[in-house]
Amino acid sequence: AGHKLFRAENVNRIPGGRLPEGTCVIDNFGRKLCSQIDSTAGSTGDPLNPVGRLNPNFDSLRVWKNVVNSIYDGLQFSVRKQMSHGVQFSAHYTWSHSIDGGSTWHNGLTSANGRAAGDGVTTDQLRPGLDRGNSVFDVRHRLTFNYV
């Protein structure tokens, strides 16, 4: 399925074919994964409320929403060879691609203190799909060898 991928949002704003043996294909989809949203961002054109917040007494009010999606595709190959004197050799290769819309939450791109704590890097608070891209933890190629 998916991982719990987080992004911060503040709600204190005015609304506005066949494969060879040893091969495996992996598909995982995560839908409506948990996300913390900061929707304070918005226009501030109202002269009666220049800060653009529903309640100007609060700087940031956070809420958890299930709005982030993820997808994981993978392809695995394995080769094993029994050699002389009981020695066995094996090699494994994995190609994978992880895509999501919110794995940047608290990955070092955010501040742990102050107003920006947990906000992540969000392009548009009202359209979270714009942040879709490679996951922070995406590892495309992995090759391992071992022998016994």
N, C-alpha and C. Protein backbone atom coordinates (compact mmCIF):
# COMPACT_ATOMS: atom_id res chain seq x y z
N ALA A 1 0.85 -1.17 0.00
CA ALA A 1 0.00 0.00 0.00
C ALA A 1 0.89 1.22 0.00
N GLY A 2 1.12 1.90 1.05
CA GLY A 2 1.92 3.11 1.02
C GLY A 2 2.50 3.39 2.38
N HIS A 3 3.20 4.47 2.47
CA HIS A 3 3.74 4.93 3.73
C HIS A 3 2.88 6.07 4.20
N LYS A 4 2.97 6.41 5.48
CA LYS A 4 2.31 7.62 5.96
C LYS A 4 3.22 8.78 5.62
N LEU A 5 2.82 9.55 4.65
CA LEU A 5 3.61 10.67 4.17
C LEU A 5 3.00 11.95 4.71
N PHE A 6 3.83 12.82 5.24
CA PHE A 6 3.31 13.97 5.94
C PHE A 6 3.69 15.27 5.26
N ARG A 7 2.81 16.22 5.33
CA ARG A 7 3.04 17.59 4.90
C ARG A 7 2.23 18.46 5.85
N ALA A 8 2.69 19.65 6.15
CA ALA A 8 1.98 20.51 7.11
C ALA A 8 1.05 21.47 6.39
N GLU A 9 -0.12 21.68 6.98
CA GLU A 9 -1.07 22.67 6.45
C GLU A 9 -1.74 23.36 7.62
N ASN A 10 -1.94 24.65 7.50
CA ASN A 10 -2.61 25.43 8.53
C ASN A 10 -4.01 25.79 8.04
N VAL A 11 -5.02 25.58 8.86
CA VAL A 11 -6.40 25.84 8.44
C VAL A 11 -6.90 27.21 8.88
N ASN A 12 -6.04 28.04 9.43
CA ASN A 12 -6.44 29.36 9.90
C ASN A 12 -6.34 30.37 8.76
N ARG A 13 -7.16 30.20 7.74
CA ARG A 13 -7.20 31.13 6.60
C ARG A 13 -8.64 31.24 6.12
N ILE A 14 -8.90 32.33 5.44
CA ILE A 14 -10.23 32.55 4.89
C ILE A 14 -10.37 31.68 3.64
N PRO A 15 -11.52 30.96 3.44
CA PRO A 15 -11.63 30.00 2.34
C PRO A 15 -11.38 30.60 0.95
N GLY A 16 -11.17 30.55 0.21
CA GLY A 16 -10.91 30.93 -1.19
C GLY A 16 -10.86 29.59 -2.18
N GLY A 17 3.79 -8.95 -20.12
CA GLY A 17 4.13 -10.19 -20.84
C GLY A 17 4.75 -11.25 -19.91
N ARG A 18 5.24 -12.09 -20.00
CA ARG A 18 5.91 -13.11 -19.16
C ARG A 18 7.30 -12.62 -18.83
N LEU A 19 7.75 -12.95 -17.61
CA LEU A 19 9.09 -12.58 -17.17
C LEU A 19 9.90 -13.84 -16.92
N PRO A 20 11.23 -13.77 -17.11
CA PRO A 20 12.07 -14.93 -16.84
C PRO A 20 12.04 -15.31 -15.36
N GLU A 21 12.36 -16.58 -15.08
CA GLU A 21 12.41 -17.05 -13.71
C GLU A 21 13.40 -16.21 -12.92
N GLY A 22 13.07 -15.93 -11.67
CA GLY A 22 13.93 -15.08 -10.84
C GLY A 22 13.63 -13.60 -11.02
N THR A 23 12.55 -13.26 -11.73
CA THR A 23 12.18 -11.87 -11.97
C THR A 23 10.85 -11.60 -11.29
N CYS A 24 10.72 -10.43 -10.73
CA CYS A 24 9.50 -10.08 -10.02
C CYS A 24 9.17 -8.62 -10.29
N VAL A 25 7.91 -8.31 -10.54
CA VAL A 25 7.45 -6.93 -10.71
C VAL A 25 6.61 -6.57 -9.50
N ILE A 26 6.86 -5.39 -8.95
CA ILE A 26 6.17 -4.96 -7.74
C ILE A 26 5.44 -3.66 -8.02
N ASP A 27 4.19 -3.57 -7.62
CA ASP A 27 3.39 -2.34 -7.72
C ASP A 27 2.71 -2.10 -6.39
N ASN A 28 2.85 -0.93 -5.86
CA ASN A 28 2.13 -0.55 -4.65
C ASN A 28 1.55 0.83 -4.84
N PHE A 29 0.32 1.01 -4.43
CA PHE A 29 -0.33 2.31 -4.50
C PHE A 29 -0.79 2.69 -3.10
N GLY A 30 -0.56 3.90 -2.71
CA GLY A 30 -1.08 4.44 -1.46
C GLY A 30 -2.04 5.55 -1.79
N ARG A 31 -3.25 5.47 -1.32
CA ARG A 31 -4.25 6.49 -1.61
C ARG A 31 -4.70 7.14 -0.31
N LYS A 32 -4.89 8.43 -0.35
CA LYS A 32 -5.37 9.19 0.80
C LYS A 32 -4.52 8.94 2.04
N LEU A 33 -3.19 9.05 1.87
CA LEU A 33 -2.27 8.89 2.98
C LEU A 33 -2.31 10.14 3.84
N CYS A 34 -1.97 9.98 5.11
CA CYS A 34 -2.10 11.07 6.08
C CYS A 34 -1.13 12.21 5.79
N SER A 35 -1.62 13.43 5.93
CA SER A 35 -0.83 14.63 5.69
C SER A 35 -1.26 15.73 6.64
N GLN A 36 -0.28 16.47 7.16
CA GLN A 36 -0.60 17.62 7.99
C GLN A 36 -0.49 18.85 7.10
N ILE A 37 -1.52 19.65 7.00
CA ILE A 37 -1.61 20.74 6.03
C ILE A 37 -1.58 22.09 6.72
N ASP A 38 -0.85 23.05 6.14
CA ASP A 38 -0.80 24.43 6.63
C ASP A 38 -1.39 25.32 5.55
N SER A 39 -2.65 25.71 5.72
CA SER A 39 -3.32 26.47 4.67
C SER A 39 -3.42 27.96 5.00
N THR A 40 -2.49 28.47 5.80
CA THR A 40 -2.46 29.91 6.07
C THR A 40 -2.14 30.68 4.80
N ALA A 41 -1.37 30.07 3.93
CA ALA A 41 -0.97 30.75 2.69
C ALA A 41 -2.21 31.13 1.90
N GLY A 42 -2.22 32.31 1.37
CA GLY A 42 -3.35 32.76 0.57
C GLY A 42 -3.28 34.25 0.35
N SER A 43 -4.27 34.79 -0.33
CA SER A 43 -4.25 36.22 -0.61
C SER A 43 -4.61 37.01 0.64
N THR A 44 -4.05 38.21 0.76
CA THR A 44 -4.30 39.06 1.92
C THR A 44 -4.83 40.41 1.48
N GLY A 45 -5.71 40.43 0.48
CA GLY A 45 -6.21 41.68 -0.09
C GLY A 45 -7.32 42.35 0.70
N ASP A 46 -7.80 41.74 1.79
CA ASP A 46 -8.90 42.33 2.55
C ASP A 46 -8.36 43.38 3.53
N PRO A 47 -8.77 44.66 3.41
CA PRO A 47 -8.26 45.69 4.32
C PRO A 47 -8.71 45.48 5.77
N LEU A 48 -9.84 44.77 5.99
CA LEU A 48 -10.30 44.49 7.35
C LEU A 48 -9.56 43.33 7.99
N ASN A 49 -8.92 42.49 7.16
CA ASN A 49 -8.16 41.35 7.67
C ASN A 49 -6.89 41.21 6.84
N PRO A 50 -5.90 42.11 7.04
CA PRO A 50 -4.71 42.11 6.19
C PRO A 50 -3.85 40.86 6.32
N VAL A 51 -3.97 40.12 7.42
CA VAL A 51 -3.16 38.91 7.57
C VAL A 51 -3.80 37.72 6.87
N GLY A 52 -5.07 37.82 6.45
CA GLY A 52 -5.73 36.76 5.68
C GLY A 52 -6.05 35.52 6.48
N ARG A 53 -6.28 35.64 7.78
CA ARG A 53 -6.57 34.48 8.61
C ARG A 53 -8.00 34.54 9.14
N LEU A 54 -8.59 33.37 9.32
CA LEU A 54 -9.92 33.28 9.89
C LEU A 54 -9.94 33.89 11.29
N ASN A 55 -8.95 33.56 12.08
CA ASN A 55 -8.81 34.12 13.43
C ASN A 55 -7.41 34.70 13.54
N PRO A 56 -7.26 36.04 13.46
CA PRO A 56 -5.93 36.66 13.47
C PRO A 56 -5.21 36.53 14.81
N ASN A 57 -5.89 35.99 15.86
CA ASN A 57 -5.23 35.77 17.14
C ASN A 57 -4.28 34.59 17.10
N PHE A 58 -4.42 33.73 16.10
CA PHE A 58 -3.55 32.57 15.95
C PHE A 58 -2.74 32.72 14.68
N ASP A 59 -1.46 32.38 14.79
CA ASP A 59 -0.59 32.44 13.61
C ASP A 59 -0.77 31.20 12.76
N SER A 60 -0.90 30.03 13.40
CA SER A 60 -0.94 28.79 12.64
C SER A 60 -1.79 27.77 13.39
N LEU A 61 -2.76 27.19 12.71
CA LEU A 61 -3.56 26.09 13.24
C LEU A 61 -3.42 24.92 12.28
N ARG A 62 -2.96 23.78 12.79
CA ARG A 62 -2.69 22.65 11.92
C ARG A 62 -3.77 21.59 12.04
N VAL A 63 -3.98 20.88 10.97
CA VAL A 63 -4.95 19.80 10.93
C VAL A 63 -4.36 18.67 10.09
N TRP A 64 -4.74 17.43 10.42
CA TRP A 64 -4.29 16.27 9.64
C TRP A 64 -5.34 15.95 8.59
N LYS A 65 -4.90 15.75 7.35
CA LYS A 65 -5.80 15.37 6.26
C LYS A 65 -5.21 14.19 5.50
N ASN A 66 -6.07 13.38 4.93
CA ASN A 66 -5.63 12.28 4.08
C ASN A 66 -5.71 12.72 2.63
N VAL A 67 -4.65 13.38 2.15
CA VAL A 67 -4.68 13.93 0.80
C VAL A 67 -3.48 13.52 -0.05
N VAL A 68 -2.48 12.86 0.54
CA VAL A 68 -1.25 12.53 -0.18
C VAL A 68 -1.36 11.13 -0.78
N ASN A 69 -0.91 10.97 -2.02
CA ASN A 69 -0.90 9.67 -2.69
C ASN A 69 0.53 9.24 -2.96
N SER A 70 0.73 7.93 -3.09
CA SER A 70 2.06 7.42 -3.42
C SER A 70 1.93 6.25 -4.38
N ILE A 71 3.02 5.95 -5.06
CA ILE A 71 3.08 4.79 -5.95
C ILE A 71 4.50 4.25 -5.92
N TYR A 72 4.63 2.94 -5.95
CA TYR A 72 5.94 2.28 -5.96
C TYR A 72 5.92 1.21 -7.05
N ASP A 73 6.88 1.26 -7.94
CA ASP A 73 7.06 0.24 -8.96
C ASP A 73 8.44 -0.37 -8.77
N GLY A 74 8.54 -1.67 -8.98
CA GLY A 74 9.83 -2.32 -8.82
C GLY A 74 9.97 -3.51 -9.75
N LEU A 75 11.21 -3.84 -10.06
CA LEU A 75 11.54 -5.00 -10.88
C LEU A 75 12.76 -5.66 -10.26
N GLN A 76 12.66 -6.95 -9.96
CA GLN A 76 13.75 -7.66 -9.29
C GLN A 76 14.24 -8.82 -10.15
N PHE A 77 15.57 -8.97 -10.19
CA PHE A 77 16.21 -10.10 -10.86
C PHE A 77 17.11 -10.81 -9.86
N SER A 78 17.12 -12.14 -9.91
CA SER A 78 18.00 -12.94 -9.04
C SER A 78 18.67 -14.02 -9.87
N VAL A 79 19.96 -14.23 -9.61
CA VAL A 79 20.72 -15.29 -10.28
C VAL A 79 21.47 -16.06 -9.20
N ARG A 80 21.36 -17.40 -9.22
CA ARG A 80 22.07 -18.24 -8.27
C ARG A 80 22.85 -19.30 -9.04
N LYS A 81 24.04 -19.60 -8.54
CA LYS A 81 24.88 -20.60 -9.20
C LYS A 81 25.55 -21.46 -8.13
N GLN A 82 25.34 -22.78 -8.22
CA GLN A 82 26.02 -23.72 -7.35
C GLN A 82 27.34 -24.08 -8.01
N MET A 83 28.44 -23.84 -7.31
CA MET A 83 29.77 -24.09 -7.88
C MET A 83 30.38 -25.33 -7.21
N SER A 84 31.59 -25.64 -7.57
CA SER A 84 32.26 -26.82 -7.01
C SER A 84 32.62 -26.60 -5.53
N HIS A 85 32.84 -27.68 -4.84
CA HIS A 85 33.23 -27.69 -3.42
C HIS A 85 32.17 -27.04 -2.53
N GLY A 86 30.91 -27.10 -2.92
CA GLY A 86 29.81 -26.59 -2.10
C GLY A 86 29.68 -25.07 -2.05
N VAL A 87 30.40 -24.37 -2.91
CA VAL A 87 30.32 -22.91 -2.93
C VAL A 87 29.10 -22.48 -3.76
N GLN A 88 28.34 -21.59 -3.22
CA GLN A 88 27.17 -21.06 -3.92
C GLN A 88 27.32 -19.55 -4.06
N PHE A 89 27.01 -19.04 -5.25
CA PHE A 89 27.12 -17.61 -5.56
C PHE A 89 25.74 -17.11 -5.97
N SER A 90 25.38 -15.92 -5.53
CA SER A 90 24.12 -15.33 -5.99
C SER A 90 24.27 -13.82 -6.16
N ALA A 91 23.50 -13.30 -7.11
CA ALA A 91 23.47 -11.86 -7.39
C ALA A 91 22.01 -11.44 -7.48
N HIS A 92 21.72 -10.27 -6.96
CA HIS A 92 20.35 -9.76 -6.95
C HIS A 92 20.37 -8.30 -7.39
N TYR A 93 19.46 -7.95 -8.29
CA TYR A 93 19.35 -6.56 -8.77
C TYR A 93 17.90 -6.11 -8.61
N THR A 94 17.71 -4.91 -8.13
CA THR A 94 16.37 -4.32 -8.01
C THR A 94 16.37 -2.95 -8.64
N TRP A 95 15.44 -2.73 -9.57
CA TRP A 95 15.15 -1.38 -10.07
C TRP A 95 13.83 -1.00 -9.44
N SER A 96 13.76 0.19 -8.88
CA SER A 96 12.51 0.63 -8.28
C SER A 96 12.34 2.13 -8.44
N HIS A 97 11.11 2.57 -8.28
CA HIS A 97 10.81 4.00 -8.38
C HIS A 97 9.65 4.30 -7.44
N SER A 98 9.88 5.21 -6.51
CA SER A 98 8.86 5.61 -5.56
C SER A 98 8.48 7.06 -5.83
N ILE A 99 7.18 7.31 -6.01
CA ILE A 99 6.66 8.65 -6.30
C ILE A 99 5.60 8.98 -5.25
N ASP A 100 5.61 10.20 -4.75
CA ASP A 100 4.58 10.62 -3.79
C ASP A 100 4.41 12.12 -3.84
N GLY A 101 3.56 12.61 -2.96
CA GLY A 101 3.30 14.05 -2.92
C GLY A 101 3.62 14.68 -1.58
N GLY A 102 4.38 13.99 -0.72
CA GLY A 102 4.63 14.61 0.57
C GLY A 102 5.71 14.00 1.43
N SER A 103 6.68 13.30 0.90
CA SER A 103 7.70 12.70 1.75
C SER A 103 8.77 13.69 2.20
N THR A 104 8.68 14.96 1.80
CA THR A 104 9.66 15.95 2.24
C THR A 104 9.39 16.44 3.65
N TRP A 105 8.28 16.02 4.25
CA TRP A 105 7.93 16.51 5.58
C TRP A 105 8.98 16.09 6.59
N HIS A 106 9.60 17.04 7.25
CA HIS A 106 10.65 16.84 8.26
C HIS A 106 11.78 15.95 7.78
N ASN A 107 12.31 16.21 6.59
CA ASN A 107 13.43 15.43 6.09
C ASN A 107 14.71 16.25 6.08
N GLY A 108 14.75 17.36 6.80
CA GLY A 108 15.91 18.23 6.79
C GLY A 108 15.65 19.49 5.98
N LEU A 109 14.58 19.51 5.19
CA LEU A 109 14.23 20.71 4.44
C LEU A 109 13.36 21.64 5.26
N THR A 110 12.99 21.20 6.47
CA THR A 110 12.12 22.02 7.30
C THR A 110 12.84 22.40 8.58
N SER A 111 12.29 23.36 9.28
CA SER A 111 12.79 23.78 10.58
C SER A 111 12.07 23.00 11.65
N ALA A 112 12.76 22.64 12.71
CA ALA A 112 12.10 21.94 13.81
C ALA A 112 11.51 22.92 14.81
N ASN A 113 11.78 24.21 14.64
CA ASN A 113 11.31 25.22 15.59
C ASN A 113 10.59 26.34 14.86
N GLY A 114 9.80 27.08 15.61
CA GLY A 114 9.18 28.28 15.06
C GLY A 114 7.96 27.99 14.21
N ARG A 115 7.50 29.03 13.51
CA ARG A 115 6.28 28.96 12.72
C ARG A 115 6.36 27.91 11.61
N ALA A 116 7.55 27.72 11.02
CA ALA A 116 7.69 26.81 9.88
C ALA A 116 7.85 25.35 10.30
N ALA A 117 7.82 25.05 11.59
CA ALA A 117 8.05 23.68 12.05
C ALA A 117 7.06 22.72 11.42
N GLY A 118 7.55 21.76 10.69
CA GLY A 118 6.71 20.73 10.10
C GLY A 118 5.97 21.13 8.85
N ASP A 119 6.19 22.33 8.34
CA ASP A 119 5.44 22.77 7.17
C ASP A 119 5.90 22.08 5.89
N GLY A 120 7.13 21.61 5.85
CA GLY A 120 7.63 20.99 4.63
C GLY A 120 7.78 22.01 3.52
N VAL A 121 8.10 21.53 2.35
CA VAL A 121 8.24 22.39 1.19
C VAL A 121 7.01 22.17 0.32
N THR A 122 6.04 23.07 0.37
CA THR A 122 4.78 22.90 -0.33
C THR A 122 4.64 23.95 -1.40
N THR A 123 4.34 23.54 -2.61
CA THR A 123 4.17 24.47 -3.72
C THR A 123 2.88 25.26 -3.59
N ASP A 124 1.78 24.59 -3.40
CA ASP A 124 0.47 25.24 -3.30
C ASP A 124 -0.37 24.46 -2.30
N GLN A 125 -0.69 25.09 -1.17
CA GLN A 125 -1.44 24.42 -0.10
C GLN A 125 -2.80 23.92 -0.56
N LEU A 126 -3.40 24.60 -1.53
CA LEU A 126 -4.74 24.24 -1.96
C LEU A 126 -4.76 23.17 -3.04
N ARG A 127 -3.61 22.93 -3.68
CA ARG A 127 -3.52 21.89 -4.72
C ARG A 127 -2.32 20.99 -4.41
N PRO A 128 -2.46 20.06 -3.45
CA PRO A 128 -1.33 19.23 -3.03
C PRO A 128 -0.78 18.33 -4.14
N GLY A 129 -1.55 18.08 -5.19
CA GLY A 129 -1.07 17.25 -6.30
C GLY A 129 0.10 17.86 -7.05
N LEU A 130 0.29 19.18 -6.91
CA LEU A 130 1.42 19.83 -7.58
C LEU A 130 2.77 19.40 -7.00
N ASP A 131 2.77 18.85 -5.80
CA ASP A 131 4.02 18.41 -5.16
C ASP A 131 4.40 16.98 -5.53
N ARG A 132 3.67 16.35 -6.43
CA ARG A 132 3.97 14.98 -6.84
C ARG A 132 5.34 14.91 -7.50
N GLY A 133 6.14 13.96 -7.07
CA GLY A 133 7.48 13.78 -7.63
C GLY A 133 8.16 12.60 -6.97
N ASN A 134 9.45 12.45 -7.24
CA ASN A 134 10.22 11.36 -6.65
C ASN A 134 10.19 11.46 -5.13
N SER A 135 10.03 10.33 -4.47
CA SER A 135 10.05 10.30 -3.01
C SER A 135 11.45 10.61 -2.52
N VAL A 136 11.52 11.18 -1.33
CA VAL A 136 12.82 11.48 -0.73
C VAL A 136 13.62 10.19 -0.53
N PHE A 137 12.95 9.09 -0.23
CA PHE A 137 13.60 7.81 0.03
C PHE A 137 13.71 6.94 -1.23
N ASP A 138 13.49 7.50 -2.40
CA ASP A 138 13.55 6.75 -3.66
C ASP A 138 14.98 6.27 -3.94
N VAL A 139 15.15 4.97 -4.12
CA VAL A 139 16.44 4.38 -4.50
C VAL A 139 16.18 3.60 -5.78
N ARG A 140 16.77 4.04 -6.89
CA ARG A 140 16.46 3.44 -8.20
C ARG A 140 17.12 2.08 -8.42
N HIS A 141 18.39 1.96 -8.09
CA HIS A 141 19.13 0.74 -8.41
C HIS A 141 19.77 0.17 -7.15
N ARG A 142 19.69 -1.15 -7.01
CA ARG A 142 20.36 -1.83 -5.90
C ARG A 142 20.87 -3.16 -6.44
N LEU A 143 22.16 -3.37 -6.28
CA LEU A 143 22.82 -4.58 -6.76
C LEU A 143 23.58 -5.20 -5.59
N THR A 144 23.30 -6.47 -5.30
CA THR A 144 24.00 -7.16 -4.22
C THR A 144 24.56 -8.48 -4.72
N PHE A 145 25.69 -8.89 -4.13
CA PHE A 145 26.33 -10.17 -4.42
C PHE A 145 26.60 -10.86 -3.09
N ASN A 146 26.55 -12.19 -3.10
CA ASN A 146 26.99 -12.94 -1.93
C ASN A 146 27.42 -14.33 -2.34
N TYR A 147 28.18 -14.95 -1.45
CA TYR A 147 28.60 -16.33 -1.69
C TYR A 147 28.68 -17.05 -0.35
N VAL A 148 28.49 -18.37 -0.42
CA VAL A 148 28.56 -19.20 0.78
C VAL A 148 29.42 -20.39 0.45
